[in-house]
PDB file of N, CA and C in Angstrom:
ATOM      1  N   UNK A   1    -141.815  22.972 -62.426  1.00  0.00           N
ATOM      2  CA  UNK A   1    -140.936  23.050 -62.908  1.00  0.00           C
ATOM      3  C   UNK A   1    -140.281  21.705 -63.603  1.00  0.00           C
ATOM      4  N   UNK A   2    -139.530  21.591 -64.882  1.00  0.00           N
ATOM      5  CA  UNK A   2    -138.688  20.431 -65.107  1.00  0.00           C
ATOM      6  C   UNK A   2    -137.376  20.420 -64.344  1.00  0.00           C
ATOM      7  N   UNK A   3    -136.640  19.519 -64.455  1.00  0.00           N
ATOM      8  CA  UNK A   3    -135.104  19.433 -64.026  1.00  0.00           C
ATOM      9  C   UNK A   3    -134.481  18.722 -64.746  1.00  0.00           C
ATOM     10  N   UNK A   4    -133.417  19.249 -64.487  1.00  0.00           N
ATOM     11  CA  UNK A   4    -132.170  18.940 -65.779  1.00  0.00           C
ATOM     12  C   UNK A   4    -131.266  18.291 -65.542  1.00  0.00           C
ATOM     13  N   UNK A   5    -130.432  17.647 -65.957  1.00  0.00           N
ATOM     14  CA  UNK A   5    -128.989  17.122 -65.265  1.00  0.00           C
ATOM     15  C   UNK A   5    -128.030  17.846 -66.782  1.00  0.00           C
ATOM     16  N   UNK A   6    -126.835  18.516 -65.607  1.00  0.00           N
ATOM     17  CA  UNK A   6    -125.823  19.555 -66.566  1.00  0.00           C
ATOM     18  C   UNK A   6    -124.028  18.826 -66.365  1.00  0.00           C
ATOM     19  N   UNK A   7    -124.071  18.619 -67.201  1.00  0.00           N
ATOM     20  CA  UNK A   7    -122.505  17.836 -67.831  1.00  0.00           C
ATOM     21  C   UNK A   7    -121.745  18.865 -67.660  1.00  0.00           C
ATOM     22  N   UNK A   8    -120.880  18.856 -66.472  1.00  0.00           N
ATOM     23  CA  UNK A   8    -119.531  20.201 -66.361  1.00  0.00           C
ATOM     24  C   UNK A   8    -118.407  19.202 -66.734  1.00  0.00           C
ATOM     25  N   UNK A   9    -117.383  19.172 -67.957  1.00  0.00           N
ATOM     26  CA  UNK A   9    -116.264  18.922 -67.508  1.00  0.00           C
ATOM     27  C   UNK A   9    -115.413  19.905 -67.244  1.00  0.00           C
ATOM     28  N   UNK A  10    -114.832  19.364 -66.220  1.00  0.00           N
ATOM     29  CA  UNK A  10    -113.561  19.680 -64.807  1.00  0.00           C
ATOM     30  C   UNK A  10    -112.656  18.789 -64.566  1.00  0.00           C
ATOM     31  N   UNK A  11    -111.422  19.390 -65.086  1.00  0.00           N
ATOM     32  CA  UNK A  11    -110.731  18.722 -65.019  1.00  0.00           C
ATOM     33  C   UNK A  11    -110.224  18.241 -63.637  1.00  0.00           C
ATOM     34  N   UNK A  12    -110.183  17.564 -63.064  1.00  0.00           N
ATOM     35  CA  UNK A  12    -109.748  16.677 -61.381  1.00  0.00           C
ATOM     36  C   UNK A  12    -110.898  17.627 -60.665  1.00  0.00           C
ATOM     37  N   UNK A  13    -111.937  17.416 -61.361  1.00  0.00           N
ATOM     38  CA  UNK A  13    -113.385  17.332 -60.233  1.00  0.00           C
ATOM     39  C   UNK A  13    -113.332  16.597 -59.476  1.00  0.00           C
ATOM     40  N   UNK A  14    -113.175  15.410 -59.512  1.00  0.00           N
ATOM     41  CA  UNK A  14    -113.225  14.443 -57.970  1.00  0.00           C
ATOM     42  C   UNK A  14    -111.998  14.891 -57.255  1.00  0.00           C
ATOM     43  N   UNK A  15    -110.492  15.772 -57.363  1.00  0.00           N
ATOM     44  CA  UNK A  15    -109.991  15.794 -56.759  1.00  0.00           C
ATOM     45  C   UNK A  15    -110.019  17.894 -55.851  1.00  0.00           C
ATOM     46  N   UNK A  16    -111.410  18.002 -55.810  1.00  0.00           N
ATOM     47  CA  UNK A  16    -111.269  19.394 -55.879  1.00  0.00           C
ATOM     48  C   UNK A  16    -111.704  19.568 -54.150  1.00  0.00           C
ATOM     49  N   UNK A  17    -111.131  20.059 -53.418  1.00  0.00           N
ATOM     50  CA  UNK A  17    -110.715  20.246 -52.071  1.00  0.00           C
ATOM     51  C   UNK A  17    -111.824  20.530 -51.193  1.00  0.00           C
ATOM     52  N   UNK A  18    -112.274  20.549 -49.964  1.00  0.00           N
ATOM     53  CA  UNK A  18    -113.555  20.794 -49.515  1.00  0.00           C
ATOM     54  C   UNK A  18    -113.898  22.570 -49.861  1.00  0.00           C
ATOM     55  N   UNK A  19    -112.731  23.103 -49.484  1.00  0.00           N
ATOM     56  CA  UNK A  19    -112.839  24.615 -49.640  1.00  0.00           C
ATOM     57  C   UNK A  19    -113.043  25.434 -51.262  1.00  0.00           C
ATOM     58  N   UNK A  20    -112.313  24.582 -52.069  1.00  0.00           N
ATOM     59  CA  UNK A  20    -112.556  24.830 -53.212  1.00  0.00           C
ATOM     60  C   UNK A  20    -114.145  24.470 -53.838  1.00  0.00           C
ATOM     61  N   UNK A  21    -114.857  23.288 -53.149  1.00  0.00           N
ATOM     62  CA  UNK A  21    -116.433  22.668 -53.335  1.00  0.00           C
ATOM     63  C   UNK A  21    -116.881  24.241 -52.916  1.00  0.00           C
ATOM     64  N   UNK A  22    -116.771  24.533 -51.265  1.00  0.00           N
ATOM     65  CA  UNK A  22    -117.377  25.514 -50.652  1.00  0.00           C
ATOM     66  C   UNK A  22    -117.256  26.725 -51.763  1.00  0.00           C
ATOM     67  N   UNK A  23    -116.401  26.940 -52.301  1.00  0.00           N
ATOM     68  CA  UNK A  23    -115.979  28.296 -53.469  1.00  0.00           C
ATOM     69  C   UNK A  23    -117.431  28.173 -53.984  1.00  0.00           C
ATOM     70  N   UNK A  24    -117.319  27.097 -55.148  1.00  0.00           N
ATOM     71  CA  UNK A  24    -117.969  27.016 -56.157  1.00  0.00           C
ATOM     72  C   UNK A  24    -119.476  26.899 -55.927  1.00  0.00           C
ATOM     73  N   UNK A  25    -119.617  26.488 -54.673  1.00  0.00           N
ATOM     74  CA  UNK A  25    -121.116  26.125 -53.863  1.00  0.00           C
ATOM     75  C   UNK A  25    -121.603  27.734 -53.675  1.00  0.00           C
ATOM     76  N   UNK A  26    -120.968  28.489 -53.399  1.00  0.00           N
ATOM     77  CA  UNK A  26    -120.817  29.837 -52.979  1.00  0.00           C
ATOM     78  C   UNK A  26    -121.661  30.691 -54.049  1.00  0.00           C
ATOM     79  N   UNK A  27    -120.520  30.599 -55.035  1.00  0.00           N
ATOM     80  CA  UNK A  27    -120.624  31.543 -56.342  1.00  0.00           C
ATOM     81  C   UNK A  27    -121.932  30.842 -56.786  1.00  0.00           C
ATOM     82  N   UNK A  28    -122.361  29.919 -56.776  1.00  0.00           N
ATOM     83  CA  UNK A  28    -123.775  28.985 -57.694  1.00  0.00           C
ATOM     84  C   UNK A  28    -124.512  29.832 -57.000  1.00  0.00           C
ATOM     85  N   UNK A  29    -124.814  29.458 -55.296  1.00  0.00           N
ATOM     86  CA  UNK A  29    -125.758  29.938 -54.762  1.00  0.00           C
ATOM     87  C   UNK A  29    -126.324  31.533 -55.520  1.00  0.00           C
ATOM     88  N   UNK A  30    -124.922  32.512 -54.927  1.00  0.00           N
ATOM     89  CA  UNK A  30    -124.999  33.740 -55.240  1.00  0.00           C
ATOM     90  C   UNK A  30    -125.574  33.853 -56.880  1.00  0.00           C
ATOM     91  N   UNK A  31    -125.158  33.032 -57.767  1.00  0.00           N
ATOM     92  CA  UNK A  31    -126.090  32.941 -59.038  1.00  0.00           C
ATOM     93  C   UNK A  31    -127.531  32.697 -58.882  1.00  0.00           C
ATOM     94  N   UNK A  32    -127.960  32.150 -58.246  1.00  0.00           N
ATOM     95  CA  UNK A  32    -129.115  31.536 -58.192  1.00  0.00           C
ATOM     96  C   UNK A  32    -130.129  32.402 -58.151  1.00  0.00           C
ATOM     97  N   UNK A  33    -129.199  33.093 -56.525  1.00  0.00           N
ATOM     98  CA  UNK A  33    -130.401  34.190 -55.767  1.00  0.00           C
ATOM     99  C   UNK A  33    -130.263  35.486 -56.607  1.00  0.00           C
ATOM    100  N   UNK A  34    -129.195  35.905 -57.573  1.00  0.00           N
ATOM    101  CA  UNK A  34    -129.720  37.082 -58.703  1.00  0.00           C
ATOM    102  C   UNK A  34    -130.357  36.923 -60.197  1.00  0.00           C
ATOM    103  N   UNK A  35    -130.512  35.432 -60.447  1.00  0.00           N
ATOM    104  CA  UNK A  35    -131.165  35.420 -61.760  1.00  0.00           C
ATOM    105  C   UNK A  35    -132.431  36.145 -62.190  1.00  0.00           C
ATOM    106  N   UNK A  36    -132.772  35.751 -60.516  1.00  0.00           N
ATOM    107  CA  UNK A  36    -134.334  37.005 -61.015  1.00  0.00           C
ATOM    108  C   UNK A  36    -135.326  35.626 -61.437  1.00  0.00           C
ATOM    109  N   UNK A  37    -135.418  34.486 -61.170  1.00  0.00           N
ATOM    110  CA  UNK A  37    -136.460  33.260 -61.993  1.00  0.00           C
ATOM    111  C   UNK A  37    -136.365  32.535 -61.015  1.00  0.00           C
ATOM    112  N   UNK A  38    -137.175  31.465 -61.129  1.00  0.00           N
ATOM    113  CA  UNK A  38    -137.330  30.568 -60.498  1.00  0.00           C
ATOM    114  C   UNK A  38    -136.565  29.377 -60.453  1.00  0.00           C
ATOM    115  N   UNK A  39    -135.882  28.963 -59.947  1.00  0.00           N
ATOM    116  CA  UNK A  39    -134.294  28.403 -60.012  1.00  0.00           C
ATOM    117  C   UNK A  39    -133.958  27.497 -58.728  1.00  0.00           C
ATOM    118  N   UNK A  40    -133.725  25.978 -58.749  1.00  0.00           N
ATOM    119  CA  UNK A  40    -133.202  25.049 -57.833  1.00  0.00           C
ATOM    120  C   UNK A  40    -131.958  24.421 -58.022  1.00  0.00           C
ATOM    121  N   UNK A  41    -130.780  24.805 -57.663  1.00  0.00           N
ATOM    122  CA  UNK A  41    -129.606  23.697 -57.675  1.00  0.00           C
ATOM    123  C   UNK A  41    -129.917  22.552 -56.354  1.00  0.00           C
ATOM    124  N   UNK A  42    -130.455  21.475 -56.859  1.00  0.00           N
ATOM    125  CA  UNK A  42    -130.690  20.353 -55.751  1.00  0.00           C
ATOM    126  C   UNK A  42    -129.252  19.783 -55.344  1.00  0.00           C
ATOM    127  N   UNK A  43    -128.054  19.272 -56.006  1.00  0.00           N
ATOM    128  CA  UNK A  43    -126.861  18.540 -55.514  1.00  0.00           C
ATOM    129  C   UNK A  43    -126.342  18.681 -56.902  1.00  0.00           C
ATOM    130  N   UNK A  44    -125.032  18.187 -56.665  1.00  0.00           N
ATOM    131  CA  UNK A  44    -123.961  17.971 -57.688  1.00  0.00           C
ATOM    132  C   UNK A  44    -123.008  16.725 -56.741  1.00  0.00           C
ATOM    133  N   UNK A  45    -122.703  15.779 -58.563  1.00  0.00           N
ATOM    134  CA  UNK A  45    -121.840  14.403 -58.176  1.00  0.00           C
ATOM    135  C   UNK A  45    -120.645  14.674 -58.625  1.00  0.00           C
ATOM    136  N   UNK A  46    -119.386  14.876 -57.972  1.00  0.00           N
ATOM    137  CA  UNK A  46    -117.743  15.120 -58.608  1.00  0.00           C
ATOM    138  C   UNK A  46    -117.252  13.786 -59.055  1.00  0.00           C
ATOM    139  N   UNK A  47    -117.418  13.268 -60.060  1.00  0.00           N
ATOM    140  CA  UNK A  47    -116.473  12.254 -60.584  1.00  0.00           C
ATOM    141  C   UNK A  47    -115.479  12.181 -61.552  1.00  0.00           C
ATOM    142  N   UNK A  48    -114.269  11.417 -61.569  1.00  0.00           N
ATOM    143  CA  UNK A  48    -113.216  11.892 -62.197  1.00  0.00           C
ATOM    144  C   UNK A  48    -113.304  13.256 -62.704  1.00  0.00           C
ATOM    145  N   UNK A  49    -113.385  13.363 -64.300  1.00  0.00           N
ATOM    146  CA  UNK A  49    -113.134  14.924 -64.539  1.00  0.00           C
ATOM    147  C   UNK A  49    -114.311  15.637 -64.338  1.00  0.00           C
ATOM    148  N   UNK A  50    -115.513  15.308 -64.201  1.00  0.00           N
ATOM    149  CA  UNK A  50    -116.690  15.637 -64.651  1.00  0.00           C
ATOM    150  C   UNK A  50    -117.645  16.533 -63.151  1.00  0.00           C
ATOM    151  N   UNK A  51    -118.437  17.239 -63.435  1.00  0.00           N
ATOM    152  CA  UNK A  51    -119.245  17.474 -62.299  1.00  0.00           C
ATOM    153  C   UNK A  51    -120.660  16.888 -62.933  1.00  0.00           C
ATOM    154  N   UNK A  52    -121.780  16.516 -62.267  1.00  0.00           N
ATOM    155  CA  UNK A  52    -123.370  16.014 -62.459  1.00  0.00           C
ATOM    156  C   UNK A  52    -123.896  17.044 -61.743  1.00  0.00           C
ATOM    157  N   UNK A  53    -124.749  17.818 -61.987  1.00  0.00           N
ATOM    158  CA  UNK A  53    -125.334  18.657 -61.324  1.00  0.00           C
ATOM    159  C   UNK A  53    -127.054  18.412 -62.029  1.00  0.00           C
ATOM    160  N   UNK A  54    -127.504  18.609 -60.968  1.00  0.00           N
ATOM    161  CA  UNK A  54    -129.378  18.505 -60.925  1.00  0.00           C
ATOM    162  C   UNK A  54    -130.046  19.280 -60.940  1.00  0.00           C
ATOM    163  N   UNK A  55    -130.258  20.402 -61.803  1.00  0.00           N
ATOM    164  CA  UNK A  55    -131.263  21.873 -61.241  1.00  0.00           C
ATOM    165  C   UNK A  55    -132.473  21.464 -61.847  1.00  0.00           C
ATOM    166  N   UNK A  56    -133.465  22.557 -61.583  1.00  0.00           N
ATOM    167  CA  UNK A  56    -134.705  22.785 -61.812  1.00  0.00           C
ATOM    168  C   UNK A  56    -134.728  23.962 -62.020  1.00  0.00           C
ATOM    169  N   UNK A  57    -135.533  24.453 -63.097  1.00  0.00           N
ATOM    170  CA  UNK A  57    -135.558  25.637 -63.825  1.00  0.00           C
ATOM    171  C   UNK A  57    -136.735  25.458 -65.053  1.00  0.00           C
ATOM    172  N   UNK A  58    -137.232  26.332 -65.447  1.00  0.00           N
ATOM    173  CA  UNK A  58    -138.043  26.925 -66.173  1.00  0.00           C
ATOM    174  C   UNK A  58    -137.833  26.525 -67.892  1.00  0.00           C
ATOM    175  N   UNK A  59    -136.345  26.375 -67.927  1.00  0.00           N
ATOM    176  CA  UNK A  59    -135.993  26.488 -69.274  1.00  0.00           C
ATOM    177  C   UNK A  59    -134.595  25.713 -69.147  1.00  0.00           C
ATOM    178  N   UNK A  60    -133.537  25.233 -70.363  1.00  0.00           N
ATOM    179  CA  UNK A  60    -132.578  25.136 -70.168  1.00  0.00           C
ATOM    180  C   UNK A  60    -131.755  26.352 -70.720  1.00  0.00           C
ATOM    181  N   UNK A  61    -132.513  27.434 -70.763  1.00  0.00           N
ATOM    182  CA  UNK A  61    -131.672  28.345 -71.103  1.00  0.00           C
ATOM    183  C   UNK A  61    -131.154  29.044 -69.860  1.00  0.00           C
ATOM    184  N   UNK A  62    -132.062  28.840 -68.931  1.00  0.00           N
ATOM    185  CA  UNK A  62    -132.229  29.673 -67.279  1.00  0.00           C
ATOM    186  C   UNK A  62    -130.944  28.696 -66.714  1.00  0.00           C
ATOM    187  N   UNK A  63    -130.676  27.703 -67.381  1.00  0.00           N
ATOM    188  CA  UNK A  63    -129.523  26.625 -66.879  1.00  0.00           C
ATOM    189  C   UNK A  63    -128.113  27.154 -67.354  1.00  0.00           C
ATOM    190  N   UNK A  64    -128.449  27.559 -68.680  1.00  0.00           N
ATOM    191  CA  UNK A  64    -127.018  28.132 -69.633  1.00  0.00           C
ATOM    192  C   UNK A  64    -126.924  29.224 -68.805  1.00  0.00           C
ATOM    193  N   UNK A  65    -127.646  30.049 -68.704  1.00  0.00           N
ATOM    194  CA  UNK A  65    -127.371  31.609 -68.166  1.00  0.00           C
ATOM    195  C   UNK A  65    -126.991  31.190 -67.028  1.00  0.00           C
ATOM    196  N   UNK A  66    -127.339  30.361 -66.114  1.00  0.00           N
ATOM    197  CA  UNK A  66    -126.928  30.577 -64.595  1.00  0.00           C
ATOM    198  C   UNK A  66    -125.333  29.694 -64.942  1.00  0.00           C
ATOM    199  N   UNK A  67    -124.904  28.993 -65.556  1.00  0.00           N
ATOM    200  CA  UNK A  67    -123.440  28.851 -66.319  1.00  0.00           C
ATOM    201  C   UNK A  67    -122.533  29.850 -66.551  1.00  0.00           C
ATOM    202  N   UNK A  68    -123.094  30.417 -67.385  1.00  0.00           N
ATOM    203  CA  UNK A  68    -122.174  31.768 -68.212  1.00  0.00           C
ATOM    204  C   UNK A  68    -122.331  33.105 -66.760  1.00  0.00           C
ATOM    205  N   UNK A  69    -123.226  32.981 -66.431  1.00  0.00           N
ATOM    206  CA  UNK A  69    -122.929  34.395 -65.129  1.00  0.00           C
ATOM    207  C   UNK A  69    -121.869  33.450 -63.985  1.00  0.00           C
ATOM    208  N   UNK A  70    -122.275  32.212 -63.785  1.00  0.00           N
ATOM    209  CA  UNK A  70    -121.126  31.964 -62.399  1.00  0.00           C
ATOM    210  C   UNK A  70    -119.889  31.366 -63.038  1.00  0.00           C
ATOM    211  N   UNK A  71    -119.461  31.821 -64.482  1.00  0.00           N
ATOM    212  CA  UNK A  71    -117.826  30.912 -65.118  1.00  0.00           C
ATOM    213  C   UNK A  71    -117.726  29.577 -64.936  1.00  0.00           C
ATOM    214  N   UNK A  72    -119.248  29.018 -64.772  1.00  0.00           N
ATOM    215  CA  UNK A  72    -118.862  27.410 -64.628  1.00  0.00           C
ATOM    216  C   UNK A  72    -119.119  26.883 -66.405  1.00  0.00           C
ATOM    217  N   UNK A  73    -119.181  25.571 -67.128  1.00  0.00           N
ATOM    218  CA  UNK A  73    -118.879  25.302 -68.040  1.00  0.00           C
ATOM    219  C   UNK A  73    -120.009  24.400 -67.744  1.00  0.00           C
ATOM    220  N   UNK A  74    -121.149  24.261 -69.262  1.00  0.00           N
ATOM    221  CA  UNK A  74    -122.284  23.720 -69.366  1.00  0.00           C
ATOM    222  C   UNK A  74    -121.936  22.451 -70.319  1.00  0.00           C
ATOM    223  N   UNK A  75    -121.725  21.868 -70.409  1.00  0.00           N
ATOM    224  CA  UNK A  75    -121.117  20.822 -71.553  1.00  0.00           C
ATOM    225  C   UNK A  75    -122.368  20.176 -72.399  1.00  0.00           C
ATOM    226  N   UNK A  76    -123.419  19.960 -71.269  1.00  0.00           N
ATOM    227  CA  UNK A  76    -124.468  18.980 -71.583  1.00  0.00           C
ATOM    228  C   UNK A  76    -125.580  19.358 -70.572  1.00  0.00           C
ATOM    229  N   UNK A  77    -126.975  19.938 -71.014  1.00  0.00           N
ATOM    230  CA  UNK A  77    -127.372  19.933 -70.199  1.00  0.00           C
ATOM    231  C   UNK A  77    -129.527  19.694 -70.946  1.00  0.00           C
ATOM    232  N   UNK A  78    -129.185  18.207 -70.279  1.00  0.00           N
ATOM    233  CA  UNK A  78    -130.362  17.616 -71.179  1.00  0.00           C
ATOM    234  C   UNK A  78    -131.714  17.591 -69.441  1.00  0.00           C
ATOM    235  N   UNK A  79    -132.864  17.704 -70.002  1.00  0.00           N
ATOM    236  CA  UNK A  79    -134.174  17.819 -69.216  1.00  0.00           C
ATOM    237  C   UNK A  79    -134.591  16.110 -68.816  1.00  0.00           C
ATOM    238  N   UNK A  80    -134.553  15.957 -67.214  1.00  0.00           N
ATOM    239  CA  UNK A  80    -134.716  14.261 -66.869  1.00  0.00           C
ATOM    240  C   UNK A  80    -136.030  13.978 -66.837  1.00  0.00           C
ATOM    241  N   UNK A  81    -136.177  13.294 -67.890  1.00  0.00           N
ATOM    242  CA  UNK A  81    -137.714  12.934 -68.278  1.00  0.00           C
ATOM    243  C   UNK A  81    -137.983  11.847 -67.250  1.00  0.00           C
ATOM    244  N   UNK A  82    -136.938  10.989 -66.753  1.00  0.00           N
ATOM    245  CA  UNK A  82    -137.809  10.039 -65.750  1.00  0.00           C
ATOM    246  C   UNK A  82    -136.907  10.018 -64.600  1.00  0.00           C
ATOM    247  N   UNK A  83    -136.853   9.708 -63.584  1.00  0.00           N
ATOM    248  CA  UNK A  83    -136.320   9.241 -62.362  1.00  0.00           C
ATOM    249  C   UNK A  83    -136.251   7.373 -62.011  1.00  0.00           C
ATOM    250  N   UNK A  84    -135.444   6.969 -61.979  1.00  0.00           N
ATOM    251  CA  UNK A  84    -135.930   5.277 -61.026  1.00  0.00           C
ATOM    252  C   UNK A  84    -135.398   5.200 -60.491  1.00  0.00           C
ATOM    253  N   UNK A  85    -135.572   3.395 -59.779  1.00  0.00           N
ATOM    254  CA  UNK A  85    -134.514   2.698 -59.007  1.00  0.00           C
ATOM    255  C   UNK A  85    -134.384   1.336 -58.790  1.00  0.00           C
ATOM    256  N   UNK A  86    -134.231   0.512 -57.712  1.00  0.00           N
ATOM    257  CA  UNK A  86    -134.324  -0.896 -58.015  1.00  0.00           C
ATOM    258  C   UNK A  86    -135.471  -0.808 -57.555  1.00  0.00           C
ATOM    259  N   UNK A  87    -136.426  -0.180 -56.736  1.00  0.00           N
ATOM    260  CA  UNK A  87    -137.743  -0.610 -56.689  1.00  0.00           C
ATOM    261  C   UNK A  87    -138.470  -0.541 -57.635  1.00  0.00           C
ATOM    262  N   UNK A  88    -137.978  -0.160 -58.696  1.00  0.00           N
ATOM    263  CA  UNK A  88    -139.076   0.103 -59.806  1.00  0.00           C
ATOM    264  C   UNK A  88    -139.305  -0.779 -60.373  1.00  0.00           C
ATOM    265  N   UNK A  89    -138.421  -2.296 -59.848  1.00  0.00           N
ATOM    266  CA  UNK A  89    -138.674  -3.609 -60.309  1.00  0.00           C
ATOM    267  C   UNK A  89    -139.505  -3.795 -59.896  1.00  0.00           C
ATOM    268  N   UNK A  90    -140.418  -3.402 -58.985  1.00  0.00           N
ATOM    269  CA  UNK A  90    -141.532  -4.080 -58.031  1.00  0.00           C
ATOM    270  C   UNK A  90    -142.849  -3.717 -58.481  1.00  0.00           C
ATOM    271  N   UNK A  91    -143.147  -2.619 -59.281  1.00  0.00           N
ATOM    272  CA  UNK A  91    -143.976  -1.822 -59.908  1.00  0.00           C
ATOM    273  C   UNK A  91    -145.076  -2.569 -60.578  1.00  0.00           C
ATOM    274  N   UNK A  92    -146.000  -2.741 -60.561  1.00  0.00           N
ATOM    275  CA  UNK A  92    -146.528  -3.439 -61.521  1.00  0.00           C
ATOM    276  C   UNK A  92    -146.468  -2.164 -62.612  1.00  0.00           C
ATOM    277  N   UNK A  93    -146.654  -2.756 -63.924  1.00  0.00           N
ATOM    278  CA  UNK A  93    -147.156  -1.520 -64.872  1.00  0.00           C
ATOM    279  C   UNK A  93    -148.207  -1.229 -65.263  1.00  0.00           C
TER     280      UNK A  93
END
């Protein structure tokens, strides 16, 4: 399944409390369980006024459906083409 990065504009995202994050995660998990399609939510980063989520699904349409059913914004959904880190500098082409 392809992986996607999802950008969500959420004012005050970096100030969400532990309880608020728990509620968001519970809602997301419930929506994933009810989608009836292969879907994995890997993790989310909260930074400033945005949430950046990594999800795995068959299509971007499934990501948008998750957002709609969960009441979450999905301002940008982009398929992840590659991931890399510092060690990539040491792998010969």
